[in-house]
Amino acid sequence: MEVSTTTPAPSNIPQKFRTILADPPWDIQQKGGRGAERHYPLMGLERIKAMPVADLAEDNAHLWLWVTNATLRHGYDVAEAWGFTVRSPLTWVKFCLGLGNYLRNSTEHLLFATRGRAPVNFRSQPTWINAPMQDHSHKPEEQFAVIERVSPGPYLELFARRRPSSTAPWFVWGNQIDADISIPGYPVPSDRTKKDR
């Protein structure tokens, strides 16, 4: 798979990543749901599963995949389609009363998955974090410290909305940010900018 680049310079962007973080815009219709589509374009499960994430990952790699309570089962399928095996969920406890049809959702989950021989750097990370909520779908900044403590770089964030608040070697792809890489079949606005350069 060809990975094209923008800033930083092409020589600084790896062809493959040892750790990938993804927060897909799940298109999961729920009765009475408030509709994430008001905030960003959504993607169907099959389109998410078809992404060539395996081509972006080193043979020995980690995946951190955000799921909601409604998409938990789908997250395992996506990780498998991308060539990873889920090892453990990390639960974000929000300590607020969320929405829900049956129980009030006050948690989200970050599935930790591996492929190949990919040991962790830190074995004392608990399976939960407590962090404040911010604007819609803004995941806690604490995620980067957790990921960097457990997993080796270089790092790639898929569906990024902003640059990570970290000095570690993070690269980004998404339709709300000037992406560092291109993914064939999944154009983002910065791909058009690259063609104009």
C-alpha atoms as a PDB file:
ATOM      1  CA  MET A   1       0.000   0.000   0.000  1.00  0.00           C
ATOM      2  CA  GLU A   2       1.337   3.428  -0.888  1.00  0.00           C
ATOM      3  CA  VAL A   3       1.294   5.945   1.929  1.00  0.00           C
ATOM      4  CA  SER A   4       1.585   9.527   0.712  1.00  0.00           C
ATOM      5  CA  THR A   5       2.610  12.355   2.957  1.00  0.00           C
ATOM      6  CA  THR A   6       2.208  16.025   3.813  1.00  0.00           C
ATOM      7  CA  THR A   7       3.837  17.772   6.766  1.00  0.00           C
ATOM      8  CA  PRO A   8       6.178  16.745   8.408  1.00  0.00           C
ATOM      9  CA  ALA A   9       8.648  15.940   5.642  1.00  0.00           C
ATOM     10  CA  PRO A  10       8.145  12.589   3.857  1.00  0.00           C
ATOM     11  CA  SER A  11      11.355  11.158   5.283  1.00  0.00           C
ATOM     12  CA  ASN A  12       9.922  11.583   8.787  1.00  0.00           C
ATOM     13  CA  ILE A  13       6.676   9.697   8.205  1.00  0.00           C
ATOM     14  CA  PRO A  14       6.968   5.928   8.585  1.00  0.00           C
ATOM     15  CA  GLN A  15       5.473   3.573   6.054  1.00  0.00           C
ATOM     16  CA  LYS A  16       4.215   1.368   8.907  1.00  0.00           C
ATOM     17  CA  PHE A  17       3.236   2.051  12.511  1.00  0.00           C
ATOM     18  CA  ARG A  18       3.766   0.036  15.678  1.00  0.00           C
ATOM     19  CA  THR A  19       0.681   1.466  17.369  1.00  0.00           C
ATOM     20  CA  ILE A  20      -2.600   2.619  15.824  1.00  0.00           C
ATOM     21  CA  LEU A  21      -5.391   4.496  17.618  1.00  0.00           C
ATOM     22  CA  ALA A  22      -8.794   4.651  15.906  1.00  0.00           C
ATOM     23  CA  ASP A  23     -12.094   6.322  16.782  1.00  0.00           C
ATOM     24  CA  PRO A  24     -14.376   5.345  13.874  1.00  0.00           C
ATOM     25  CA  PRO A  25     -17.512   7.397  13.157  1.00  0.00           C
ATOM     26  CA  TRP A  26     -19.811   4.398  13.665  1.00  0.00           C
ATOM     27  CA  ASP A  27     -23.076   4.512  11.711  1.00  0.00           C
ATOM     28  CA  ILE A  28     -25.097   2.436  14.136  1.00  0.00           C
ATOM     29  CA  GLN A  29     -28.739   3.458  14.170  1.00  0.00           C
ATOM     30  CA  GLN A  30     -30.280   3.368  17.617  1.00  0.00           C
ATOM     31  CA  LYS A  31     -33.910   3.947  18.448  1.00  0.00           C
ATOM     32  CA  GLY A  32     -34.215   7.357  20.026  1.00  0.00           C
ATOM     33  CA  GLY A  33     -30.528   8.179  19.406  1.00  0.00           C
ATOM     34  CA  ARG A  34     -29.534  11.824  19.196  1.00  0.00           C
ATOM     35  CA  GLY A  35     -27.557  11.346  16.002  1.00  0.00           C
ATOM     36  CA  ALA A  36     -23.806  11.736  15.746  1.00  0.00           C
ATOM     37  CA  GLU A  37     -24.403  12.561  12.077  1.00  0.00           C
ATOM     38  CA  ARG A  38     -25.133  16.130  13.166  1.00  0.00           C
ATOM     39  CA  HIS A  39     -21.475  16.428  14.181  1.00  0.00           C
ATOM     40  CA  TYR A  40     -19.562  14.530  11.450  1.00  0.00           C
ATOM     41  CA  PRO A  41     -20.092  12.102   8.523  1.00  0.00           C
ATOM     42  CA  LEU A  42     -20.669   8.504   9.608  1.00  0.00           C
ATOM     43  CA  MET A  43     -19.309   5.246   8.159  1.00  0.00           C
ATOM     44  CA  GLY A  44     -21.061   1.910   7.919  1.00  0.00           C
ATOM     45  CA  LEU A  45     -19.602  -1.157   9.610  1.00  0.00           C
ATOM     46  CA  GLU A  46     -18.555  -2.887   6.379  1.00  0.00           C
ATOM     47  CA  ARG A  47     -16.743   0.215   5.111  1.00  0.00           C
ATOM     48  CA  ILE A  48     -14.872   0.525   8.416  1.00  0.00           C
ATOM     49  CA  LYS A  49     -13.937  -3.169   8.332  1.00  0.00           C
ATOM     50  CA  ALA A  50     -12.688  -2.836   4.734  1.00  0.00           C
ATOM     51  CA  MET A  51     -10.137  -0.138   5.608  1.00  0.00           C
ATOM     52  CA  PRO A  52      -6.580  -1.354   4.837  1.00  0.00           C
ATOM     53  CA  VAL A  53      -5.403  -0.807   8.411  1.00  0.00           C
ATOM     54  CA  ALA A  54      -3.397  -4.043   8.323  1.00  0.00           C
ATOM     55  CA  ASP A  55      -1.263  -2.449   5.587  1.00  0.00           C
ATOM     56  CA  LEU A  56      -0.494   0.502   7.874  1.00  0.00           C
ATOM     57  CA  ALA A  57       0.605  -1.648  10.825  1.00  0.00           C
ATOM     58  CA  GLU A  58       3.929  -3.334  11.401  1.00  0.00           C
ATOM     59  CA  ASP A  59       3.865  -7.125  11.676  1.00  0.00           C
ATOM     60  CA  ASN A  60       4.143  -6.770  15.457  1.00  0.00           C
ATOM     61  CA  ALA A  61       1.753  -3.997  16.407  1.00  0.00           C
ATOM     62  CA  HIS A  62      -0.849  -2.671  18.823  1.00  0.00           C
ATOM     63  CA  LEU A  63      -4.323  -1.312  18.064  1.00  0.00           C
ATOM     64  CA  TRP A  64      -6.397   0.880  20.387  1.00  0.00           C
ATOM     65  CA  LEU A  65      -9.992   1.053  19.092  1.00  0.00           C
ATOM     66  CA  TRP A  66     -12.706   3.275  20.583  1.00  0.00           C
ATOM     67  CA  VAL A  67     -16.181   1.763  20.901  1.00  0.00           C
ATOM     68  CA  THR A  68     -19.378   2.796  22.614  1.00  0.00           C
ATOM     69  CA  ASN A  69     -21.578   0.393  24.549  1.00  0.00           C
ATOM     70  CA  ALA A  70     -23.710   0.042  21.393  1.00  0.00           C
ATOM     71  CA  THR A  71     -20.692  -0.738  19.161  1.00  0.00           C
ATOM     72  CA  LEU A  72     -18.768  -2.997  21.544  1.00  0.00           C
ATOM     73  CA  ARG A  73     -19.518  -6.205  19.621  1.00  0.00           C
ATOM     74  CA  HIS A  74     -18.713  -4.487  16.300  1.00  0.00           C
ATOM     75  CA  GLY A  75     -15.355  -3.352  17.673  1.00  0.00           C
ATOM     76  CA  TYR A  76     -14.197  -6.957  18.030  1.00  0.00           C
ATOM     77  CA  ASP A  77     -15.227  -7.628  14.412  1.00  0.00           C
ATOM     78  CA  VAL A  78     -13.404  -4.529  13.174  1.00  0.00           C
ATOM     79  CA  ALA A  79     -10.218  -5.390  15.066  1.00  0.00           C
ATOM     80  CA  GLU A  80     -10.294  -8.898  13.574  1.00  0.00           C
ATOM     81  CA  ALA A  81     -10.932  -7.561  10.051  1.00  0.00           C
ATOM     82  CA  TRP A  82      -7.909  -5.293  10.495  1.00  0.00           C
ATOM     83  CA  GLY A  83      -5.727  -8.266  11.504  1.00  0.00           C
ATOM     84  CA  PHE A  84      -5.722  -7.795  15.296  1.00  0.00           C
ATOM     85  CA  THR A  85      -6.900  -9.798  18.297  1.00  0.00           C
ATOM     86  CA  VAL A  86      -8.582  -7.919  21.137  1.00  0.00           C
ATOM     87  CA  ARG A  87      -6.822  -8.565  24.435  1.00  0.00           C
ATOM     88  CA  SER A  88      -8.650  -6.278  26.874  1.00  0.00           C
ATOM     89  CA  PRO A  89     -11.036  -3.339  27.069  1.00  0.00           C
ATOM     90  CA  LEU A  90      -9.989  -0.132  28.809  1.00  0.00           C
ATOM     91  CA  THR A  91     -13.129   1.590  30.119  1.00  0.00           C
ATOM     92  CA  TRP A  92     -13.438   5.347  30.285  1.00  0.00           C
ATOM     93  CA  VAL A  93     -15.598   6.117  33.324  1.00  0.00           C
ATOM     94  CA  LYS A  94     -17.194   9.535  32.818  1.00  0.00           C
ATOM     95  CA  PHE A  95     -19.020   9.907  36.144  1.00  0.00           C
ATOM     96  CA  CYS A  96     -21.943  11.648  34.489  1.00  0.00           C
ATOM     97  CA  LEU A  97     -25.443  10.576  33.584  1.00  0.00           C
ATOM     98  CA  GLY A  98     -25.405   9.778  29.876  1.00  0.00           C
ATOM     99  CA  LEU A  99     -28.073   8.860  27.362  1.00  0.00           C
ATOM    100  CA  GLY A 100     -29.534   5.420  26.771  1.00  0.00           C
ATOM    101  CA  ASN A 101     -32.720   3.485  26.098  1.00  0.00           C
ATOM    102  CA  TYR A 102     -32.219   0.870  28.819  1.00  0.00           C
ATOM    103  CA  LEU A 103     -29.305   1.910  31.022  1.00  0.00           C
ATOM    104  CA  ARG A 104     -27.742   5.382  31.052  1.00  0.00           C
ATOM    105  CA  ASN A 105     -24.396   5.266  29.223  1.00  0.00           C
ATOM    106  CA  SER A 106     -21.651   6.774  31.359  1.00  0.00           C
ATOM    107  CA  THR A 107     -18.771   4.820  29.848  1.00  0.00           C
ATOM    108  CA  GLU A 108     -16.934   4.246  26.580  1.00  0.00           C
ATOM    109  CA  HIS A 109     -14.348   1.599  25.862  1.00  0.00           C
ATOM    110  CA  LEU A 110     -10.931   1.566  24.253  1.00  0.00           C
ATOM    111  CA  LEU A 111     -10.254  -1.962  23.014  1.00  0.00           C
ATOM    112  CA  PHE A 112      -6.600  -2.942  23.241  1.00  0.00           C
ATOM    113  CA  ALA A 113      -5.593  -5.428  20.524  1.00  0.00           C
ATOM    114  CA  THR A 114      -2.378  -6.930  19.203  1.00  0.00           C
ATOM    115  CA  ARG A 115      -1.008  -8.653  16.140  1.00  0.00           C
ATOM    116  CA  GLY A 116       2.148 -10.723  15.929  1.00  0.00           C
ATOM    117  CA  ARG A 117       4.568 -10.626  18.825  1.00  0.00           C
ATOM    118  CA  ALA A 118       3.778  -7.279  20.403  1.00  0.00           C
ATOM    119  CA  PRO A 119       4.452  -7.256  24.138  1.00  0.00           C
ATOM    120  CA  VAL A 120       3.423  -4.285  26.254  1.00  0.00           C
ATOM    121  CA  ASN A 121       5.914  -1.841  27.784  1.00  0.00           C
ATOM    122  CA  PHE A 122       3.948  -1.438  31.025  1.00  0.00           C
ATOM    123  CA  ARG A 123       1.963  -4.195  32.754  1.00  0.00           C
ATOM    124  CA  SER A 124       0.342  -2.232  35.581  1.00  0.00           C
ATOM    125  CA  GLN A 125      -2.254  -0.272  33.590  1.00  0.00           C
ATOM    126  CA  PRO A 126      -5.720  -0.851  35.107  1.00  0.00           C
ATOM    127  CA  THR A 127      -8.681  -1.524  32.815  1.00  0.00           C
ATOM    128  CA  TRP A 128     -10.318   1.830  33.533  1.00  0.00           C
ATOM    129  CA  ILE A 129      -9.555   5.534  33.431  1.00  0.00           C
ATOM    130  CA  ASN A 130     -11.513   8.400  34.922  1.00  0.00           C
ATOM    131  CA  ALA A 131     -11.357  11.569  32.844  1.00  0.00           C
ATOM    132  CA  PRO A 132     -13.638  14.554  32.276  1.00  0.00           C
ATOM    133  CA  MET A 133     -15.966  14.851  29.320  1.00  0.00           C
ATOM    134  CA  GLN A 134     -15.415  17.619  26.791  1.00  0.00           C
ATOM    135  CA  ASP A 135     -17.214  18.501  23.551  1.00  0.00           C
ATOM    136  CA  HIS A 136     -19.068  15.861  21.503  1.00  0.00           C
ATOM    137  CA  SER A 137     -16.987  12.726  20.879  1.00  0.00           C
ATOM    138  CA  HIS A 138     -13.804  14.361  22.225  1.00  0.00           C
ATOM    139  CA  LYS A 139     -11.917  11.502  23.806  1.00  0.00           C
ATOM    140  CA  PRO A 140      -9.895  12.197  26.954  1.00  0.00           C
ATOM    141  CA  GLU A 141      -6.422  13.619  26.433  1.00  0.00           C
ATOM    142  CA  GLU A 142      -5.263  11.085  29.042  1.00  0.00           C
ATOM    143  CA  GLN A 143      -5.558   8.398  26.350  1.00  0.00           C
ATOM    144  CA  PHE A 144      -2.244   9.458  24.826  1.00  0.00           C
ATOM    145  CA  ALA A 145      -0.311   9.027  28.091  1.00  0.00           C
ATOM    146  CA  VAL A 146      -1.876   5.582  28.616  1.00  0.00           C
ATOM    147  CA  ILE A 147      -1.127   4.449  25.057  1.00  0.00           C
ATOM    148  CA  GLU A 148       2.444   5.747  25.137  1.00  0.00           C
ATOM    149  CA  ARG A 149       3.064   4.039  28.472  1.00  0.00           C
ATOM    150  CA  VAL A 150       1.837   0.648  27.194  1.00  0.00           C
ATOM    151  CA  SER A 151       2.644   0.688  23.465  1.00  0.00           C
ATOM    152  CA  PRO A 152       5.714   1.575  21.374  1.00  0.00           C
ATOM    153  CA  GLY A 153       5.790   4.205  18.631  1.00  0.00           C
ATOM    154  CA  PRO A 154       5.658   5.372  15.988  1.00  0.00           C
ATOM    155  CA  TYR A 155       1.965   6.099  16.470  1.00  0.00           C
ATOM    156  CA  LEU A 156      -0.876   6.720  14.014  1.00  0.00           C
ATOM    157  CA  GLU A 157      -4.263   8.152  14.979  1.00  0.00           C
ATOM    158  CA  LEU A 158      -7.074   7.329  12.524  1.00  0.00           C
ATOM    159  CA  PHE A 159     -10.159   9.572  12.395  1.00  0.00           C
ATOM    160  CA  ALA A 160      -8.211  12.264  14.232  1.00  0.00           C
ATOM    161  CA  ARG A 161      -9.922  15.595  14.832  1.00  0.00           C
ATOM    162  CA  ARG A 162      -6.898  17.437  16.245  1.00  0.00           C
ATOM    163  CA  ARG A 163      -3.194  16.798  16.708  1.00  0.00           C
ATOM    164  CA  PRO A 164      -2.427  14.696  19.800  1.00  0.00           C
ATOM    165  CA  SER A 165      -1.377  16.602  22.895  1.00  0.00           C
ATOM    166  CA  SER A 166       1.936  14.766  23.044  1.00  0.00           C
ATOM    167  CA  THR A 167       5.577  15.133  22.086  1.00  0.00           C
ATOM    168  CA  ALA A 168       5.802  11.461  21.034  1.00  0.00           C
ATOM    169  CA  PRO A 169       5.979  10.568  17.300  1.00  0.00           C
ATOM    170  CA  TRP A 170       2.242  10.746  16.467  1.00  0.00           C
ATOM    171  CA  PHE A 171       0.917  11.013  12.904  1.00  0.00           C
ATOM    172  CA  VAL A 172      -2.720  11.595  11.961  1.00  0.00           C
ATOM    173  CA  TRP A 173      -5.363  10.838   9.351  1.00  0.00           C
ATOM    174  CA  GLY A 174      -8.931  12.133   9.294  1.00  0.00           C
ATOM    175  CA  ASN A 175     -11.360  14.434   7.525  1.00  0.00           C
ATOM    176  CA  GLN A 176     -11.252  17.155  10.188  1.00  0.00           C
ATOM    177  CA  ILE A 177      -7.468  17.648  10.162  1.00  0.00           C
ATOM    178  CA  ASP A 178      -4.614  18.107   7.693  1.00  0.00           C
ATOM    179  CA  ALA A 179      -3.759  14.403   7.400  1.00  0.00           C
ATOM    180  CA  ASP A 180      -0.168  13.136   7.307  1.00  0.00           C
ATOM    181  CA  ILE A 181      -1.008  10.072   5.201  1.00  0.00           C
ATOM    182  CA  SER A 182      -3.489   9.055   2.524  1.00  0.00           C
ATOM    183  CA  ILE A 183      -5.500   5.840   2.580  1.00  0.00           C
ATOM    184  CA  PRO A 184      -6.507   4.586  -0.902  1.00  0.00           C
ATOM    185  CA  GLY A 185     -10.281   4.551  -1.285  1.00  0.00           C
ATOM    186  CA  TYR A 186     -10.772   6.737   1.800  1.00  0.00           C
ATOM    187  CA  PRO A 187     -10.122  10.326   0.692  1.00  0.00           C
ATOM    188  CA  VAL A 188     -10.066  13.189   3.150  1.00  0.00           C
ATOM    189  CA  PRO A 189     -10.081  16.934   2.359  1.00  0.00           C
ATOM    190  CA  SER A 190      -6.296  17.269   2.683  1.00  0.00           C
ATOM    191  CA  ASP A 191      -5.897  14.762  -0.186  1.00  0.00           C
ATOM    192  CA  ARG A 192      -7.297  17.418  -2.540  1.00  0.00           C
ATOM    193  CA  THR A 193      -4.834  19.933  -1.148  1.00  0.00           C
ATOM    194  CA  LYS A 194      -1.932  17.551  -1.809  1.00  0.00           C
ATOM    195  CA  LYS A 195      -2.933  17.273  -5.475  1.00  0.00           C
ATOM    196  CA  ASP A 196      -2.845  21.054  -5.790  1.00  0.00           C
ATOM    197  CA  ARG A 197       0.710  21.325  -4.416  1.00  0.00           C
END
